[in-house]
Amino acid sequence: MKKKVLILDDNSDILEILTILLMEDGYEIKCLGAADRIFEEIEEFKPDLILLDVILANMDGLMICKDIKENILTSSLPVILMSGKQDLADYLYIQGGPDDYLAKPFDIDVLLSKVEKHLRA
């Protein structure tokens, strides 16, 4: 059975690139361009991992991550934050923080290794 990855980013080019890379690596992908239905999509799609952009047009990715991590139903769901503007290393150690982070532009090998690492855990 394929592992499922939910990607939330408001940049359609990033969504397309991540979809292609992860599908080629054997993952089932669901993309969201906005966060307004994130919890409904988590419930319906049942992802094994979430890739989440920090800077979204309508919401703050850090707050979405915190909401996911502090919700009893989704707290164990691995979240990898992505950002091209912020260093996210310090957020790994705070309550409600992500499981990992990925700097944009991302290295394909780093992306795939981080996804694999968190799906094996």
Protein backbone atom coordinates (compact mmCIF):
# COMPACT_ATOMS: atom_id res chain seq x y z
CA MET A 1 0.00 0.00 0.00
CA LYS A 2 1.34 3.41 -0.99
CA LYS A 3 2.18 5.95 1.69
CA LYS A 4 0.13 9.14 1.42
CA VAL A 5 1.56 12.67 1.46
CA LEU A 6 -0.58 15.78 1.79
CA ILE A 7 1.11 18.91 0.40
CA LEU A 8 -0.08 22.39 1.32
CA ASP A 9 1.50 25.25 -0.62
CA ASP A 10 -0.05 28.25 -2.36
CA ASN A 11 2.53 28.11 -5.16
CA SER A 12 1.18 25.92 -7.97
CA ASP A 13 4.67 25.37 -9.43
CA ILE A 14 5.92 23.96 -6.10
CA LEU A 15 2.84 21.74 -5.86
CA GLU A 16 3.46 20.41 -9.36
CA ILE A 17 7.17 19.75 -8.78
CA LEU A 18 6.59 18.03 -5.44
CA THR A 19 3.76 15.95 -6.89
CA ILE A 20 5.90 14.72 -9.78
CA LEU A 21 8.91 13.94 -7.57
CA LEU A 22 6.95 12.14 -4.89
CA MET A 23 4.70 10.21 -7.29
CA GLU A 24 7.79 9.00 -9.15
CA ASP A 25 9.10 7.79 -5.79
CA GLY A 26 5.90 5.78 -5.24
CA TYR A 27 3.81 8.00 -2.96
CA GLU A 28 0.14 8.87 -3.27
CA ILE A 29 -0.23 12.66 -3.28
CA LYS A 30 -2.99 15.13 -2.41
CA CYS A 31 -2.34 18.84 -2.98
CA LEU A 32 -3.95 21.84 -1.37
CA GLY A 33 -3.43 25.43 -2.48
CA ALA A 34 -5.14 26.90 0.60
CA ALA A 35 -5.46 25.84 4.22
CA ASP A 36 -9.16 26.45 4.78
CA ARG A 37 -10.02 22.72 4.57
CA ILE A 38 -6.84 21.24 6.00
CA PHE A 39 -8.49 19.24 8.80
CA GLU A 40 -11.27 17.98 6.53
CA GLU A 41 -8.65 16.86 4.00
CA ILE A 42 -6.60 15.16 6.72
CA GLU A 43 -9.71 13.27 7.84
CA GLU A 44 -10.70 12.27 4.27
CA PHE A 45 -7.27 11.54 2.74
CA LYS A 46 -5.64 10.13 5.91
CA PRO A 47 -2.09 11.17 5.01
CA ASP A 48 0.99 9.53 6.49
CA LEU A 49 2.92 12.83 6.22
CA ILE A 50 2.25 16.52 5.58
CA LEU A 51 4.52 18.89 3.66
CA LEU A 52 3.48 22.38 4.71
CA ASP A 53 4.64 25.77 3.45
CA VAL A 54 5.23 28.36 6.17
CA ILE A 55 4.12 31.43 4.23
CA LEU A 56 0.66 31.01 2.78
CA ALA A 57 -1.55 33.69 1.27
CA ASN A 58 -4.39 33.20 3.72
CA MET A 59 -2.80 31.58 6.80
CA ASP A 60 0.42 31.07 8.74
CA GLY A 61 1.92 27.61 8.20
CA LEU A 62 3.48 27.67 11.66
CA MET A 63 0.04 28.11 13.23
CA ILE A 64 -1.41 25.33 11.08
CA CYS A 65 1.44 23.05 12.19
CA LYS A 66 0.77 23.96 15.83
CA ASP A 67 -2.95 23.20 15.37
CA ILE A 68 -2.11 19.81 13.83
CA LYS A 69 0.37 18.93 16.56
CA GLU A 70 -1.88 20.02 19.42
CA ASN A 71 -4.95 18.16 18.13
CA ILE A 72 -5.25 14.73 19.77
CA LEU A 73 -6.42 13.18 16.47
CA THR A 74 -3.47 14.47 14.40
CA SER A 75 -0.65 15.00 16.91
CA SER A 76 1.34 11.97 15.75
CA LEU A 77 1.11 12.94 12.07
CA PRO A 78 4.60 13.94 10.84
CA VAL A 79 4.80 17.50 9.50
CA ILE A 80 7.68 18.87 7.44
CA LEU A 81 7.62 22.67 7.16
CA MET A 82 8.98 24.32 4.02
CA SER A 83 10.28 27.86 3.71
CA GLY A 84 12.37 29.93 1.38
CA LYS A 85 12.61 32.87 3.76
CA GLN A 86 12.92 31.55 7.30
CA ASP A 87 15.41 29.32 9.08
CA LEU A 88 13.13 26.81 10.74
CA ALA A 89 15.68 24.87 12.82
CA ASP A 90 14.64 26.54 16.09
CA TYR A 91 11.00 25.55 15.55
CA LEU A 92 11.86 21.84 15.78
CA TYR A 93 12.19 22.08 19.55
CA ILE A 94 9.08 24.02 20.52
CA GLN A 95 5.72 22.60 21.53
CA GLY A 96 3.54 22.29 18.46
CA GLY A 97 6.60 22.47 16.20
CA PRO A 98 7.23 20.43 13.07
CA ASP A 99 9.02 17.10 12.88
CA ASP A 100 11.43 18.50 10.31
CA TYR A 101 11.93 21.36 7.88
CA LEU A 102 13.01 21.85 4.29
CA ALA A 103 14.60 24.99 2.89
CA LYS A 104 13.43 26.25 -0.51
CA PRO A 105 14.76 25.90 -3.06
CA PHE A 106 15.12 22.32 -1.96
CA ASP A 107 17.59 19.67 -2.99
CA ILE A 108 15.67 16.71 -4.44
CA ASP A 109 17.77 14.14 -2.58
CA VAL A 110 17.27 15.97 0.73
CA LEU A 111 13.52 16.18 0.12
CA LEU A 112 13.19 12.49 -0.66
CA SER A 113 15.40 11.40 2.25
CA LYS A 114 13.43 13.51 4.76
CA VAL A 115 10.11 12.20 3.47
CA GLU A 116 11.36 8.61 3.62
CA LYS A 117 12.84 9.10 7.10
CA HIS A 118 9.55 10.32 8.57
CA LEU A 119 7.47 7.70 6.81
CA ARG A 120 9.67 4.91 8.21
CA ALA A 121 9.50 6.24 11.78
